[in-house]
Amino acid sequence: MSLNRYYEALSLIIIILLFLIGFLGPKFWKMPQPLFNFKGIENNLSNPVESIDRLSLFYSNNNYLSSNQFNNKDVVFNWSKIILNYVTTDVPIPRMYFPYIPKNINQYKTNNKKLTFIAILLPLALRGNELVLEERKLMKIAFSTNNIYQIERLSKKYKVNNFKKINFSNLNRSELRKIRLELLSKINSIPISLILAQSIIESGWGVSRFAQEGNALFGQWTWNNADGIKPKGNQDANFSVKNFDSLLDSVNSYILNLNTHTAYKELRNFRTSQYNSGKKITGNDMANFLDKYAEIGIQYVTKVKNMIEKNQLSKYENSILATF
């Protein structure tokens, strides 16, 4: 064998050995291998909203909890104190969305339970309003660009008057203006203090059976028994309390309810009037239009207003979520 061929053969053997060592070496010698989070890379590229599905990725720190910590009273309460301290110091609220109320919340001391519930609901309420305001922007863009598909979609979701009779493929200027005005009235945020007050009343600070079993924070009814929980002691009722996959779903459904149901038309008209006049829209003022929310009528209005005042819920009105 010539010297050149000898070196070529030797080089080939060395390359093969190096190749095998690179792939088998770490496992054979039990050396730690680098881990690449391709899912994380994919998420960063798409810049997603932090959602309930990703909570398990969070490890304990000042702002976030991992999913296995939700029922640790000390950890959750300490987290709650941090979140509520951000409110007093005007620090944006972290995007920590609990998927459910801790199962042991009724074991908290009364004051701790209240603070924890508010801390859990605050980012959810802020996120719910953020979503509806994003839709408001989309709606305005749809009309400015004559995006009929988007206009029809939003009209259906927000139950525009006589929606089924509207011919969206042949709308004149007057019809478009009418639809736009109605959507402007309906697609808007709800004061944070009002969201907190009603969730407290309807869920009993998160300890009610409906809140615990079905993430139902606002006592919304459904006539589809498959989607709800029957009231105890009234199994023959023709309604159920609607359940949800997550707390955020419950918040979003509540906001949509106030923004679409005919019972709250006066509430929306008041909000539009305040909005157009550049005046502040408070939960205390909007509570005046909730007499149809519960069977007790005007007493419910008083109950909501007292809840806002007693627990100083108005101080959460100007809270904002941290940027992504």
C-alpha atoms as a PDB file:
ATOM      1  CA  MET A   1       0.000   0.000   0.000  1.00  0.00           C
ATOM      2  CA  SER A   2       1.362   3.396  -0.948  1.00  0.00           C
ATOM      3  CA  LEU A   3       1.944   5.969   1.766  1.00  0.00           C
ATOM      4  CA  ASN A   4      -0.797   8.240   0.392  1.00  0.00           C
ATOM      5  CA  ARG A   5      -3.390   5.461   0.459  1.00  0.00           C
ATOM      6  CA  TYR A   6      -2.300   4.547   3.982  1.00  0.00           C
ATOM      7  CA  TYR A   7      -2.937   8.145   5.173  1.00  0.00           C
ATOM      8  CA  GLU A   8      -6.291   8.293   3.356  1.00  0.00           C
ATOM      9  CA  ALA A   9      -7.434   5.067   5.043  1.00  0.00           C
ATOM     10  CA  LEU A  10      -6.246   6.289   8.428  1.00  0.00           C
ATOM     11  CA  SER A  11      -8.032   9.624   7.972  1.00  0.00           C
ATOM     12  CA  LEU A  12     -11.252   7.850   7.065  1.00  0.00           C
ATOM     13  CA  ILE A  13     -11.049   5.654  10.171  1.00  0.00           C
ATOM     14  CA  ILE A  14     -10.427   8.726  12.383  1.00  0.00           C
ATOM     15  CA  ILE A  15     -13.400  10.583  10.861  1.00  0.00           C
ATOM     16  CA  ILE A  16     -15.680   7.573  11.447  1.00  0.00           C
ATOM     17  CA  LEU A  17     -14.479   7.277  15.067  1.00  0.00           C
ATOM     18  CA  LEU A  18     -15.041  10.981  15.701  1.00  0.00           C
ATOM     19  CA  PHE A  19     -18.508  10.724  14.186  1.00  0.00           C
ATOM     20  CA  LEU A  20     -19.422   7.782  16.447  1.00  0.00           C
ATOM     21  CA  ILE A  21     -17.956   9.447  19.531  1.00  0.00           C
ATOM     22  CA  GLY A  22     -19.990  12.601  18.839  1.00  0.00           C
ATOM     23  CA  PHE A  23     -23.297  10.729  18.825  1.00  0.00           C
ATOM     24  CA  LEU A  24     -22.673   7.808  21.167  1.00  0.00           C
ATOM     25  CA  GLY A  25     -20.085   9.285  23.491  1.00  0.00           C
ATOM     26  CA  PRO A  26     -22.386  11.357  25.738  1.00  0.00           C
ATOM     27  CA  LYS A  27     -24.784   8.463  26.241  1.00  0.00           C
ATOM     28  CA  PHE A  28     -22.020   5.860  26.700  1.00  0.00           C
ATOM     29  CA  TRP A  29     -20.076   7.954  29.182  1.00  0.00           C
ATOM     30  CA  LYS A  30     -23.306   9.424  30.701  1.00  0.00           C
ATOM     31  CA  MET A  31     -22.197  12.947  29.869  1.00  0.00           C
ATOM     32  CA  PRO A  32     -24.854  15.723  30.051  1.00  0.00           C
ATOM     33  CA  GLN A  33     -26.177  16.658  26.635  1.00  0.00           C
ATOM     34  CA  PRO A  34     -27.333  20.126  25.603  1.00  0.00           C
ATOM     35  CA  LEU A  35     -31.123  20.442  25.467  1.00  0.00           C
ATOM     36  CA  PHE A  36     -32.777  22.545  22.784  1.00  0.00           C
ATOM     37  CA  ASN A  37     -36.275  23.798  23.406  1.00  0.00           C
ATOM     38  CA  PHE A  38     -37.603  23.839  19.853  1.00  0.00           C
ATOM     39  CA  LYS A  39     -41.101  24.592  21.179  1.00  0.00           C
ATOM     40  CA  GLY A  40     -39.706  27.675  22.873  1.00  0.00           C
ATOM     41  CA  ILE A  41     -38.040  28.785  19.655  1.00  0.00           C
ATOM     42  CA  GLU A  42     -41.302  28.281  17.788  1.00  0.00           C
ATOM     43  CA  ASN A  43     -43.197  30.281  20.421  1.00  0.00           C
ATOM     44  CA  ASN A  44     -40.707  33.149  20.291  1.00  0.00           C
ATOM     45  CA  LEU A  45     -41.042  33.353  16.528  1.00  0.00           C
ATOM     46  CA  SER A  46     -44.814  33.609  16.705  1.00  0.00           C
ATOM     47  CA  ASN A  47     -44.755  35.927  19.758  1.00  0.00           C
ATOM     48  CA  PRO A  48     -47.812  34.343  21.462  1.00  0.00           C
ATOM     49  CA  VAL A  49     -49.868  35.737  24.300  1.00  0.00           C
ATOM     50  CA  GLU A  50     -49.022  34.072  27.600  1.00  0.00           C
ATOM     51  CA  SER A  51     -52.022  31.869  28.215  1.00  0.00           C
ATOM     52  CA  ILE A  52     -53.358  29.323  30.627  1.00  0.00           C
ATOM     53  CA  ASP A  53     -51.900  26.525  28.530  1.00  0.00           C
ATOM     54  CA  ARG A  54     -48.395  27.780  29.253  1.00  0.00           C
ATOM     55  CA  LEU A  55     -48.708  28.209  33.000  1.00  0.00           C
ATOM     56  CA  SER A  56     -46.971  24.910  33.665  1.00  0.00           C
ATOM     57  CA  LEU A  57     -43.844  26.379  32.057  1.00  0.00           C
ATOM     58  CA  PHE A  58     -43.559  29.074  34.732  1.00  0.00           C
ATOM     59  CA  TYR A  59     -41.300  28.454  37.702  1.00  0.00           C
ATOM     60  CA  SER A  60     -41.744  30.181  41.023  1.00  0.00           C
ATOM     61  CA  ASN A  61     -40.523  33.775  41.100  1.00  0.00           C
ATOM     62  CA  ASN A  62     -41.901  37.133  42.080  1.00  0.00           C
ATOM     63  CA  ASN A  63     -44.446  37.255  39.280  1.00  0.00           C
ATOM     64  CA  TYR A  64     -45.417  33.739  38.234  1.00  0.00           C
ATOM     65  CA  LEU A  65     -46.299  30.396  39.772  1.00  0.00           C
ATOM     66  CA  SER A  66     -46.049  26.935  38.282  1.00  0.00           C
ATOM     67  CA  SER A  67     -49.297  24.978  38.033  1.00  0.00           C
ATOM     68  CA  ASN A  68     -48.372  22.638  40.886  1.00  0.00           C
ATOM     69  CA  GLN A  69     -48.251  25.605  43.286  1.00  0.00           C
ATOM     70  CA  PHE A  70     -51.855  26.767  42.868  1.00  0.00           C
ATOM     71  CA  ASN A  71     -53.039  24.952  45.977  1.00  0.00           C
ATOM     72  CA  ASN A  72     -50.106  25.893  48.204  1.00  0.00           C
ATOM     73  CA  LYS A  73     -51.715  28.478  50.486  1.00  0.00           C
ATOM     74  CA  ASP A  74     -48.492  30.158  51.604  1.00  0.00           C
ATOM     75  CA  VAL A  75     -47.060  30.429  48.115  1.00  0.00           C
ATOM     76  CA  VAL A  76     -50.296  31.722  46.566  1.00  0.00           C
ATOM     77  CA  PHE A  77     -50.927  34.262  49.322  1.00  0.00           C
ATOM     78  CA  ASN A  78     -47.365  35.581  49.164  1.00  0.00           C
ATOM     79  CA  TRP A  79     -47.751  35.921  45.405  1.00  0.00           C
ATOM     80  CA  SER A  80     -51.047  37.771  45.961  1.00  0.00           C
ATOM     81  CA  LYS A  81     -49.376  40.310  48.250  1.00  0.00           C
ATOM     82  CA  ILE A  82     -46.758  41.008  45.589  1.00  0.00           C
ATOM     83  CA  ILE A  83     -49.411  41.508  42.893  1.00  0.00           C
ATOM     84  CA  LEU A  84     -51.538  43.849  45.018  1.00  0.00           C
ATOM     85  CA  ASN A  85     -48.450  45.798  46.044  1.00  0.00           C
ATOM     86  CA  TYR A  86     -47.876  46.481  42.343  1.00  0.00           C
ATOM     87  CA  VAL A  87     -51.263  48.230  42.306  1.00  0.00           C
ATOM     88  CA  THR A  88     -50.274  50.632  45.082  1.00  0.00           C
ATOM     89  CA  THR A  89     -46.912  51.374  43.443  1.00  0.00           C
ATOM     90  CA  ASP A  90     -48.331  51.749  39.902  1.00  0.00           C
ATOM     91  CA  VAL A  91     -46.343  48.796  38.563  1.00  0.00           C
ATOM     92  CA  PRO A  92     -47.918  46.890  35.622  1.00  0.00           C
ATOM     93  CA  ILE A  93     -49.597  43.621  36.617  1.00  0.00           C
ATOM     94  CA  PRO A  94     -47.877  40.399  35.423  1.00  0.00           C
ATOM     95  CA  ARG A  95     -49.803  38.273  32.930  1.00  0.00           C
ATOM     96  CA  MET A  96     -50.426  35.427  35.356  1.00  0.00           C
ATOM     97  CA  TYR A  97     -53.755  33.807  34.510  1.00  0.00           C
ATOM     98  CA  PHE A  98     -54.943  31.203  36.990  1.00  0.00           C
ATOM     99  CA  PRO A  99     -56.994  28.530  35.163  1.00  0.00           C
ATOM    100  CA  TYR A 100     -59.132  27.934  38.263  1.00  0.00           C
ATOM    101  CA  ILE A 101     -59.656  29.177  41.812  1.00  0.00           C
ATOM    102  CA  PRO A 102     -57.513  27.216  44.311  1.00  0.00           C
ATOM    103  CA  LYS A 103     -59.562  24.332  45.685  1.00  0.00           C
ATOM    104  CA  ASN A 104     -58.560  25.180  49.235  1.00  0.00           C
ATOM    105  CA  ILE A 105     -59.345  28.902  49.134  1.00  0.00           C
ATOM    106  CA  ASN A 106     -62.046  28.493  51.779  1.00  0.00           C
ATOM    107  CA  GLN A 107     -59.327  27.385  54.205  1.00  0.00           C
ATOM    108  CA  TYR A 108     -57.618  30.788  53.992  1.00  0.00           C
ATOM    109  CA  LYS A 109     -58.150  33.334  56.746  1.00  0.00           C
ATOM    110  CA  THR A 110     -60.976  35.641  55.693  1.00  0.00           C
ATOM    111  CA  ASN A 111     -58.825  38.646  54.816  1.00  0.00           C
ATOM    112  CA  ASN A 112     -56.223  36.488  53.082  1.00  0.00           C
ATOM    113  CA  LYS A 113     -58.955  34.819  51.043  1.00  0.00           C
ATOM    114  CA  LYS A 114     -60.274  38.189  49.878  1.00  0.00           C
ATOM    115  CA  LEU A 115     -56.857  39.509  48.910  1.00  0.00           C
ATOM    116  CA  THR A 116     -55.998  36.285  47.088  1.00  0.00           C
ATOM    117  CA  PHE A 117     -59.251  36.283  45.131  1.00  0.00           C
ATOM    118  CA  ILE A 118     -58.749  39.886  44.018  1.00  0.00           C
ATOM    119  CA  ALA A 119     -55.133  39.186  43.017  1.00  0.00           C
ATOM    120  CA  ILE A 120     -56.239  36.195  40.923  1.00  0.00           C
ATOM    121  CA  LEU A 121     -59.124  38.042  39.249  1.00  0.00           C
ATOM    122  CA  LEU A 122     -57.317  41.313  38.530  1.00  0.00           C
ATOM    123  CA  PRO A 123     -55.060  40.115  35.669  1.00  0.00           C
ATOM    124  CA  LEU A 124     -57.958  38.094  34.252  1.00  0.00           C
ATOM    125  CA  ALA A 125     -60.241  41.152  34.254  1.00  0.00           C
ATOM    126  CA  LEU A 126     -57.529  43.278  32.662  1.00  0.00           C
ATOM    127  CA  ARG A 127     -56.935  40.649  30.002  1.00  0.00           C
ATOM    128  CA  GLY A 128     -60.659  40.398  29.267  1.00  0.00           C
ATOM    129  CA  ASN A 129     -60.843  44.141  28.688  1.00  0.00           C
ATOM    130  CA  GLU A 130     -57.667  44.066  26.622  1.00  0.00           C
ATOM    131  CA  LEU A 131     -59.213  41.474  24.309  1.00  0.00           C
ATOM    132  CA  VAL A 132     -62.417  43.434  23.787  1.00  0.00           C
ATOM    133  CA  LEU A 133     -60.478  46.641  23.094  1.00  0.00           C
ATOM    134  CA  GLU A 134     -58.408  44.756  20.519  1.00  0.00           C
ATOM    135  CA  GLU A 135     -61.694  43.794  18.846  1.00  0.00           C
ATOM    136  CA  ARG A 136     -62.787  47.422  18.968  1.00  0.00           C
ATOM    137  CA  LYS A 137     -59.666  48.364  16.998  1.00  0.00           C
ATOM    138  CA  LEU A 138     -60.289  45.560  14.508  1.00  0.00           C
ATOM    139  CA  MET A 139     -63.851  46.765  14.073  1.00  0.00           C
ATOM    140  CA  LYS A 140     -62.741  50.317  13.276  1.00  0.00           C
ATOM    141  CA  ILE A 141     -60.197  49.024  10.765  1.00  0.00           C
ATOM    142  CA  ALA A 142     -62.853  46.804   9.169  1.00  0.00           C
ATOM    143  CA  PHE A 143     -65.099  49.790   8.463  1.00  0.00           C
ATOM    144  CA  SER A 144     -62.251  51.989   7.229  1.00  0.00           C
ATOM    145  CA  THR A 145     -61.124  49.250   4.809  1.00  0.00           C
ATOM    146  CA  ASN A 146     -64.632  48.040   3.948  1.00  0.00           C
ATOM    147  CA  ASN A 147     -63.829  44.533   5.216  1.00  0.00           C
ATOM    148  CA  ILE A 148     -67.345  43.097   4.976  1.00  0.00           C
ATOM    149  CA  TYR A 149     -66.283  39.669   6.236  1.00  0.00           C
ATOM    150  CA  GLN A 150     -64.979  41.178   9.485  1.00  0.00           C
ATOM    151  CA  ILE A 151     -68.008  43.450   9.831  1.00  0.00           C
ATOM    152  CA  GLU A 152     -70.355  40.485   9.446  1.00  0.00           C
ATOM    153  CA  ARG A 153     -68.380  38.380  11.948  1.00  0.00           C
ATOM    154  CA  LEU A 154     -68.427  41.076  14.619  1.00  0.00           C
ATOM    155  CA  SER A 155     -72.072  41.875  13.922  1.00  0.00           C
ATOM    156  CA  LYS A 156     -72.961  38.251  14.573  1.00  0.00           C
ATOM    157  CA  LYS A 157     -70.856  37.991  17.730  1.00  0.00           C
ATOM    158  CA  TYR A 158     -72.210  41.229  19.193  1.00  0.00           C
ATOM    159  CA  LYS A 159     -75.792  40.513  18.145  1.00  0.00           C
ATOM    160  CA  VAL A 160     -76.400  43.540  15.963  1.00  0.00           C
ATOM    161  CA  ASN A 161     -80.113  44.288  15.727  1.00  0.00           C
ATOM    162  CA  ASN A 162     -81.869  42.166  13.057  1.00  0.00           C
ATOM    163  CA  PHE A 163     -78.543  40.556  12.182  1.00  0.00           C
ATOM    164  CA  LYS A 164     -80.110  37.628  10.328  1.00  0.00           C
ATOM    165  CA  LYS A 165     -82.038  39.951   8.024  1.00  0.00           C
ATOM    166  CA  ILE A 166     -79.044  42.062   6.991  1.00  0.00           C
ATOM    167  CA  ASN A 167     -77.677  41.529   3.485  1.00  0.00           C
ATOM    168  CA  PHE A 168     -73.987  42.104   4.172  1.00  0.00           C
ATOM    169  CA  SER A 169     -73.028  41.670   0.526  1.00  0.00           C
ATOM    170  CA  ASN A 170     -75.074  44.723  -0.447  1.00  0.00           C
ATOM    171  CA  LEU A 171     -74.884  47.321   2.341  1.00  0.00           C
ATOM    172  CA  ASN A 172     -75.403  50.994   1.565  1.00  0.00           C
ATOM    173  CA  ARG A 173     -73.664  53.837   3.368  1.00  0.00           C
ATOM    174  CA  SER A 174     -76.579  54.464   5.744  1.00  0.00           C
ATOM    175  CA  GLU A 175     -76.750  50.797   6.772  1.00  0.00           C
ATOM    176  CA  LEU A 176     -72.999  50.633   7.344  1.00  0.00           C
ATOM    177  CA  ARG A 177     -73.115  53.736   9.524  1.00  0.00           C
ATOM    178  CA  LYS A 178     -75.941  52.260  11.612  1.00  0.00           C
ATOM    179  CA  ILE A 179     -74.083  48.992  12.167  1.00  0.00           C
ATOM    180  CA  ARG A 180     -70.895  50.863  13.043  1.00  0.00           C
ATOM    181  CA  LEU A 181     -72.624  52.994  15.673  1.00  0.00           C
ATOM    182  CA  GLU A 182     -74.170  49.923  17.270  1.00  0.00           C
ATOM    183  CA  LEU A 183     -70.847  48.082  17.361  1.00  0.00           C
ATOM    184  CA  LEU A 184     -69.103  51.137  18.822  1.00  0.00           C
ATOM    185  CA  SER A 185     -71.668  51.054  21.613  1.00  0.00           C
ATOM    186  CA  LYS A 186     -71.238  47.331  22.227  1.00  0.00           C
ATOM    187  CA  ILE A 187     -67.530  46.635  21.762  1.00  0.00           C
ATOM    188  CA  ASN A 188     -65.965  48.371  24.729  1.00  0.00           C
ATOM    189  CA  SER A 189     -64.442  47.626  28.111  1.00  0.00           C
ATOM    190  CA  ILE A 190     -66.099  47.149  31.511  1.00  0.00           C
ATOM    191  CA  PRO A 191     -64.748  48.978  34.607  1.00  0.00           C
ATOM    192  CA  ILE A 192     -62.412  46.718  36.579  1.00  0.00           C
ATOM    193  CA  SER A 193     -64.120  47.510  39.885  1.00  0.00           C
ATOM    194  CA  LEU A 194     -67.437  46.302  38.452  1.00  0.00           C
ATOM    195  CA  ILE A 195     -65.918  43.042  37.194  1.00  0.00           C
ATOM    196  CA  LEU A 196     -64.337  42.405  40.594  1.00  0.00           C
ATOM    197  CA  ALA A 197     -67.474  43.300  42.543  1.00  0.00           C
ATOM    198  CA  GLN A 198     -69.773  41.061  40.532  1.00  0.00           C
ATOM    199  CA  SER A 199     -67.360  38.133  40.561  1.00  0.00           C
ATOM    200  CA  ILE A 200     -67.106  38.445  44.350  1.00  0.00           C
ATOM    201  CA  ILE A 201     -70.881  38.532  44.797  1.00  0.00           C
ATOM    202  CA  GLU A 202     -71.707  35.780  42.314  1.00  0.00           C
ATOM    203  CA  SER A 203     -68.931  33.381  43.372  1.00  0.00           C
ATOM    204  CA  GLY A 204     -68.787  34.110  47.114  1.00  0.00           C
ATOM    205  CA  TRP A 205     -65.108  35.070  46.905  1.00  0.00           C
ATOM    206  CA  GLY A 206     -64.450  32.004  44.781  1.00  0.00           C
ATOM    207  CA  VAL A 207     -65.792  29.377  47.197  1.00  0.00           C
ATOM    208  CA  SER A 208     -69.181  28.708  45.594  1.00  0.00           C
ATOM    209  CA  ARG A 209     -69.871  25.293  44.112  1.00  0.00           C
ATOM    210  CA  PHE A 210     -70.312  26.840  40.668  1.00  0.00           C
ATOM    211  CA  ALA A 211     -66.937  28.611  40.862  1.00  0.00           C
ATOM    212  CA  GLN A 212     -65.137  25.547  42.176  1.00  0.00           C
ATOM    213  CA  GLU A 213     -66.682  22.972  39.859  1.00  0.00           C
ATOM    214  CA  GLY A 214     -67.283  25.006  36.722  1.00  0.00           C
ATOM    215  CA  ASN A 215     -65.117  28.164  36.848  1.00  0.00           C
ATOM    216  CA  ALA A 216     -68.414  30.079  36.901  1.00  0.00           C
ATOM    217  CA  LEU A 217     -67.674  33.463  38.460  1.00  0.00           C
ATOM    218  CA  PHE A 218     -70.693  35.497  37.377  1.00  0.00           C
ATOM    219  CA  GLY A 219     -73.727  33.227  37.784  1.00  0.00           C
ATOM    220  CA  GLN A 220     -74.601  33.227  34.091  1.00  0.00           C
ATOM    221  CA  TRP A 221     -77.490  30.950  33.190  1.00  0.00           C
ATOM    222  CA  THR A 222     -77.752  28.482  30.346  1.00  0.00           C
ATOM    223  CA  TRP A 223     -80.743  26.490  29.116  1.00  0.00           C
ATOM    224  CA  ASN A 224     -78.459  23.763  27.754  1.00  0.00           C
ATOM    225  CA  ASN A 225     -77.972  21.440  30.707  1.00  0.00           C
ATOM    226  CA  ALA A 226     -74.902  19.902  29.075  1.00  0.00           C
ATOM    227  CA  ASP A 227     -73.123  23.265  29.422  1.00  0.00           C
ATOM    228  CA  GLY A 228     -74.001  23.973  33.040  1.00  0.00           C
ATOM    229  CA  ILE A 229     -74.423  22.878  36.643  1.00  0.00           C
ATOM    230  CA  LYS A 230     -77.866  22.416  38.135  1.00  0.00           C
ATOM    231  CA  PRO A 231     -78.567  24.324  41.368  1.00  0.00           C
ATOM    232  CA  LYS A 232     -78.682  22.032  44.390  1.00  0.00           C
ATOM    233  CA  GLY A 233     -82.155  21.586  45.773  1.00  0.00           C
ATOM    234  CA  ASN A 234     -83.664  22.578  42.433  1.00  0.00           C
ATOM    235  CA  GLN A 235     -82.846  19.722  40.095  1.00  0.00           C
ATOM    236  CA  ASP A 236     -86.078  20.313  38.191  1.00  0.00           C
ATOM    237  CA  ALA A 237     -85.071  23.864  37.220  1.00  0.00           C
ATOM    238  CA  ASN A 238     -85.199  24.553  33.492  1.00  0.00           C
ATOM    239  CA  PHE A 239     -81.813  26.291  33.649  1.00  0.00           C
ATOM    240  CA  SER A 240     -78.271  25.591  34.807  1.00  0.00           C
ATOM    241  CA  VAL A 241     -75.381  27.835  35.789  1.00  0.00           C
ATOM    242  CA  LYS A 242     -73.057  27.900  32.806  1.00  0.00           C
ATOM    243  CA  ASN A 243     -69.651  26.315  33.348  1.00  0.00           C
ATOM    244  CA  PHE A 244     -66.360  27.194  31.636  1.00  0.00           C
ATOM    245  CA  ASP A 245     -63.061  25.562  30.778  1.00  0.00           C
ATOM    246  CA  SER A 246     -61.133  28.344  32.513  1.00  0.00           C
ATOM    247  CA  LEU A 247     -61.589  31.491  34.581  1.00  0.00           C
ATOM    248  CA  LEU A 248     -60.620  33.644  31.597  1.00  0.00           C
ATOM    249  CA  ASP A 249     -63.403  32.070  29.559  1.00  0.00           C
ATOM    250  CA  SER A 250     -65.827  33.011  32.333  1.00  0.00           C
ATOM    251  CA  VAL A 251     -64.589  36.616  32.374  1.00  0.00           C
ATOM    252  CA  ASN A 252     -64.816  36.899  28.582  1.00  0.00           C
ATOM    253  CA  SER A 253     -68.353  35.495  28.561  1.00  0.00           C
ATOM    254  CA  TYR A 254     -69.434  37.953  31.270  1.00  0.00           C
ATOM    255  CA  ILE A 255     -68.043  40.940  29.362  1.00  0.00           C
ATOM    256  CA  LEU A 256     -69.742  39.757  26.174  1.00  0.00           C
ATOM    257  CA  ASN A 257     -73.004  39.343  28.096  1.00  0.00           C
ATOM    258  CA  LEU A 258     -72.987  42.944  29.347  1.00  0.00           C
ATOM    259  CA  ASN A 259     -71.994  44.111  25.875  1.00  0.00           C
ATOM    260  CA  THR A 260     -74.764  42.299  24.006  1.00  0.00           C
ATOM    261  CA  HIS A 261     -77.805  41.458  26.149  1.00  0.00           C
ATOM    262  CA  THR A 262     -80.820  43.705  25.672  1.00  0.00           C
ATOM    263  CA  ALA A 263     -81.208  43.959  29.462  1.00  0.00           C
ATOM    264  CA  TYR A 264     -78.052  46.098  29.616  1.00  0.00           C
ATOM    265  CA  LYS A 265     -78.757  48.461  26.740  1.00  0.00           C
ATOM    266  CA  GLU A 266     -79.058  51.436  29.113  1.00  0.00           C
ATOM    267  CA  LEU A 267     -75.696  50.527  30.640  1.00  0.00           C
ATOM    268  CA  ARG A 268     -74.104  50.626  27.194  1.00  0.00           C
ATOM    269  CA  ASN A 269     -75.834  53.888  26.284  1.00  0.00           C
ATOM    270  CA  PHE A 270     -74.519  55.486  29.467  1.00  0.00           C
ATOM    271  CA  ARG A 271     -71.021  54.187  28.767  1.00  0.00           C
ATOM    272  CA  THR A 272     -71.128  55.566  25.217  1.00  0.00           C
ATOM    273  CA  SER A 273     -72.319  58.956  26.457  1.00  0.00           C
ATOM    274  CA  GLN A 274     -69.505  59.130  29.019  1.00  0.00           C
ATOM    275  CA  TYR A 275     -66.965  57.895  26.495  1.00  0.00           C
ATOM    276  CA  ASN A 276     -67.967  60.427  23.843  1.00  0.00           C
ATOM    277  CA  SER A 277     -67.859  63.236  26.408  1.00  0.00           C
ATOM    278  CA  GLY A 278     -64.375  62.222  27.533  1.00  0.00           C
ATOM    279  CA  LYS A 279     -65.636  61.527  31.044  1.00  0.00           C
ATOM    280  CA  LYS A 280     -64.360  58.773  33.310  1.00  0.00           C
ATOM    281  CA  ILE A 281     -66.414  55.567  33.284  1.00  0.00           C
ATOM    282  CA  THR A 282     -66.551  54.071  36.782  1.00  0.00           C
ATOM    283  CA  GLY A 283     -67.870  50.786  38.061  1.00  0.00           C
ATOM    284  CA  ASN A 284     -69.899  52.611  40.685  1.00  0.00           C
ATOM    285  CA  ASP A 285     -71.770  54.590  38.015  1.00  0.00           C
ATOM    286  CA  MET A 286     -72.319  51.638  35.680  1.00  0.00           C
ATOM    287  CA  ALA A 287     -73.648  49.544  38.567  1.00  0.00           C
ATOM    288  CA  ASN A 288     -76.767  51.720  38.472  1.00  0.00           C
ATOM    289  CA  PHE A 289     -77.865  49.859  35.336  1.00  0.00           C
ATOM    290  CA  LEU A 290     -77.608  46.305  36.718  1.00  0.00           C
ATOM    291  CA  ASP A 291     -81.084  46.035  38.211  1.00  0.00           C
ATOM    292  CA  LYS A 292     -81.937  43.316  35.677  1.00  0.00           C
ATOM    293  CA  TYR A 293     -78.862  41.197  36.461  1.00  0.00           C
ATOM    294  CA  ALA A 294     -80.519  39.452  39.419  1.00  0.00           C
ATOM    295  CA  GLU A 295     -84.041  38.734  40.610  1.00  0.00           C
ATOM    296  CA  ILE A 296     -83.663  41.143  43.549  1.00  0.00           C
ATOM    297  CA  GLY A 297     -83.610  44.069  41.090  1.00  0.00           C
ATOM    298  CA  ILE A 298     -82.611  47.436  42.535  1.00  0.00           C
ATOM    299  CA  GLN A 299     -81.315  45.722  45.682  1.00  0.00           C
ATOM    300  CA  TYR A 300     -78.661  44.111  43.503  1.00  0.00           C
ATOM    301  CA  VAL A 301     -77.493  47.556  42.387  1.00  0.00           C
ATOM    302  CA  THR A 302     -77.056  48.562  46.026  1.00  0.00           C
ATOM    303  CA  LYS A 303     -75.235  45.314  46.737  1.00  0.00           C
ATOM    304  CA  VAL A 304     -72.727  45.880  43.934  1.00  0.00           C
ATOM    305  CA  LYS A 305     -72.107  49.511  44.879  1.00  0.00           C
ATOM    306  CA  ASN A 306     -71.587  48.548  48.537  1.00  0.00           C
ATOM    307  CA  MET A 307     -69.139  45.837  47.510  1.00  0.00           C
ATOM    308  CA  ILE A 308     -67.110  48.338  45.489  1.00  0.00           C
ATOM    309  CA  GLU A 309     -67.030  50.847  48.341  1.00  0.00           C
ATOM    310  CA  LYS A 310     -66.440  48.415  51.214  1.00  0.00           C
ATOM    311  CA  ASN A 311     -63.508  46.700  49.516  1.00  0.00           C
ATOM    312  CA  GLN A 312     -62.098  49.836  47.865  1.00  0.00           C
ATOM    313  CA  LEU A 313     -62.283  48.186  44.459  1.00  0.00           C
ATOM    314  CA  SER A 314     -62.106  51.518  42.638  1.00  0.00           C
ATOM    315  CA  LYS A 315     -58.367  51.653  43.310  1.00  0.00           C
ATOM    316  CA  TYR A 316     -57.890  48.891  40.736  1.00  0.00           C
ATOM    317  CA  GLU A 317     -59.500  50.886  37.913  1.00  0.00           C
ATOM    318  CA  ASN A 318     -56.227  52.274  36.539  1.00  0.00           C
ATOM    319  CA  SER A 319     -54.239  49.025  36.726  1.00  0.00           C
ATOM    320  CA  ILE A 320     -52.567  47.863  33.530  1.00  0.00           C
ATOM    321  CA  LEU A 321     -51.026  44.596  32.370  1.00  0.00           C
ATOM    322  CA  ALA A 322     -47.294  44.228  31.833  1.00  0.00           C
ATOM    323  CA  THR A 323     -46.200  44.268  28.203  1.00  0.00           C
ATOM    324  CA  PHE A 324     -45.580  40.952  26.480  1.00  0.00           C
END
